[in-house]
Amino acid sequence: MKQKAELRVSVDRVLADQVRHAATELNMPVSALVRAQIQGFLQAREKSEQLGNPNFRVVAEFSLGIRSAGSAMHALSLERYSQLLDLLTAAGLPVPSLPEARLDQMVRELKTLSEL
């Protein structure tokens, strides 16, 4: 049996509630859901290293929201966003989502525009 270690993480309340709900729907502990996601990321990283992919770090930074699409595209000399998405898929990484605050701002802007 593998020896387990406790890993504490902090996330915003909405995300914590969402992951608890998802884990309940899947009838699994939150820790199992989180562990699976971490293992998936590490497996993608290991596969990339085995293939000698020098771009994984930049693509992972974009996937994790650390690097903007423009910055990633520039660093990788890409002309189209679709090329960046292809690299994400090939690396087995998810497409990043916008932060909640930015999504809320976009909704407010669209509502303002629709009132004109």
Protein backbone atom coordinates (compact mmCIF):
# COMPACT_ATOMS: atom_id res chain seq x y z
CA MET A 1 0.00 0.00 0.00
CA LYS A 2 1.30 3.45 -0.93
CA GLN A 3 2.16 5.74 1.89
CA LYS A 4 -0.06 8.83 1.86
CA ALA A 5 0.81 12.39 2.78
CA GLU A 6 -1.54 15.23 3.52
CA LEU A 7 -1.43 18.19 1.14
CA ARG A 8 -3.29 21.34 2.13
CA VAL A 9 -4.46 23.73 -0.57
CA SER A 10 -6.45 26.93 -0.48
CA VAL A 11 -9.10 27.68 -3.09
CA ASP A 12 -11.90 30.19 -3.28
CA ARG A 13 -15.17 29.18 -1.66
CA VAL A 14 -17.09 28.84 -4.93
CA LEU A 15 -14.52 26.41 -6.32
CA ALA A 16 -14.53 24.43 -3.07
CA ASP A 17 -18.32 24.14 -3.21
CA GLN A 18 -18.22 23.11 -6.87
CA VAL A 19 -15.62 20.39 -6.29
CA ARG A 20 -17.55 19.04 -3.30
CA HIS A 21 -20.70 18.91 -5.41
CA ALA A 22 -18.89 17.19 -8.29
CA ALA A 23 -17.31 14.64 -5.94
CA THR A 24 -20.71 13.91 -4.41
CA GLU A 25 -22.25 13.38 -7.85
CA LEU A 26 -19.42 10.98 -8.70
CA ASN A 27 -19.74 9.26 -5.33
CA MET A 28 -16.07 9.79 -4.52
CA PRO A 29 -14.08 11.73 -1.94
CA VAL A 30 -12.85 15.20 -2.87
CA SER A 31 -9.30 14.00 -2.28
CA ALA A 32 -9.70 11.29 -4.94
CA LEU A 33 -10.98 13.83 -7.45
CA VAL A 34 -8.11 16.23 -6.72
CA ARG A 35 -5.57 13.39 -6.76
CA ALA A 36 -6.78 12.29 -10.22
CA GLN A 37 -6.36 15.80 -11.60
CA ILE A 38 -2.88 16.18 -10.14
CA GLN A 39 -1.87 12.76 -11.50
CA GLY A 40 -3.21 13.74 -14.93
CA PHE A 41 -1.11 16.89 -14.97
CA LEU A 42 2.02 15.07 -13.82
CA GLN A 43 1.52 12.31 -16.40
CA ALA A 44 1.19 14.93 -19.15
CA ARG A 45 4.39 16.57 -17.92
CA GLU A 46 6.25 13.25 -17.79
CA LYS A 47 5.07 12.27 -21.28
CA SER A 48 6.22 15.63 -22.60
CA GLU A 49 9.64 15.17 -21.02
CA GLN A 50 9.94 11.66 -22.49
CA LEU A 51 9.13 13.05 -25.93
CA GLY A 52 11.66 15.85 -25.48
CA ASN A 53 9.00 18.54 -25.85
CA PRO A 54 10.67 21.87 -24.98
CA ASN A 55 7.34 23.73 -25.14
CA PHE A 56 5.56 22.05 -22.24
CA ARG A 57 6.41 24.71 -19.69
CA VAL A 58 5.02 27.56 -21.80
CA VAL A 59 1.90 25.58 -22.71
CA ALA A 60 1.38 24.52 -19.07
CA GLU A 61 1.78 28.12 -17.89
CA PHE A 62 -0.93 29.16 -20.35
CA SER A 63 -3.17 26.27 -19.32
CA LEU A 64 -2.81 27.21 -15.64
CA GLY A 65 -3.54 30.89 -16.30
CA ILE A 66 -0.02 32.01 -15.42
CA ARG A 67 0.77 33.18 -18.95
CA SER A 68 -1.51 34.98 -21.40
CA ALA A 69 -2.37 33.53 -24.79
CA GLY A 70 -0.46 36.34 -26.50
CA SER A 71 2.63 35.75 -24.40
CA ALA A 72 2.50 31.99 -25.00
CA MET A 73 2.00 32.46 -28.74
CA HIS A 74 4.94 34.88 -28.89
CA ALA A 75 7.20 32.55 -26.88
CA LEU A 76 6.29 29.64 -29.18
CA SER A 77 6.38 31.69 -32.40
CA LEU A 78 2.76 30.83 -33.20
CA GLU A 79 0.65 32.87 -35.59
CA ARG A 80 -2.81 31.58 -34.65
CA TYR A 81 -4.60 30.87 -31.40
CA SER A 82 -5.75 27.57 -32.88
CA GLN A 83 -2.11 26.45 -32.97
CA LEU A 84 -1.85 27.08 -29.23
CA LEU A 85 -5.04 25.10 -28.64
CA ASP A 86 -3.59 22.24 -30.70
CA LEU A 87 -0.48 22.24 -28.47
CA LEU A 88 -2.70 22.14 -25.36
CA THR A 89 -4.54 19.14 -26.74
CA ALA A 90 -1.32 17.37 -27.72
CA ALA A 91 0.08 17.97 -24.23
CA GLY A 92 -3.10 16.67 -22.58
CA LEU A 93 -3.75 19.97 -20.81
CA PRO A 94 -7.06 21.79 -20.37
CA VAL A 95 -7.92 25.12 -21.96
CA PRO A 96 -7.75 27.83 -19.30
CA SER A 97 -10.88 29.66 -18.26
CA LEU A 98 -11.16 33.32 -17.49
CA PRO A 99 -11.12 34.37 -13.85
CA GLU A 100 -14.58 34.76 -12.31
CA ALA A 101 -14.11 38.52 -11.86
CA ARG A 102 -13.33 38.96 -15.56
CA LEU A 103 -16.37 36.89 -16.57
CA ASP A 104 -18.57 39.03 -14.32
CA GLN A 105 -17.12 42.18 -15.87
CA MET A 106 -17.82 40.87 -19.38
CA VAL A 107 -21.44 40.10 -18.45
CA ARG A 108 -21.88 43.65 -17.11
CA GLU A 109 -20.38 45.09 -20.30
CA LEU A 110 -22.71 43.01 -22.48
CA LYS A 111 -25.73 44.10 -20.44
CA THR A 112 -24.67 47.73 -20.83
CA LEU A 113 -24.30 47.30 -24.58
CA SER A 114 -27.71 45.65 -24.88
CA GLU A 115 -29.31 48.62 -23.13
CA LEU A 116 -28.06 51.08 -25.79
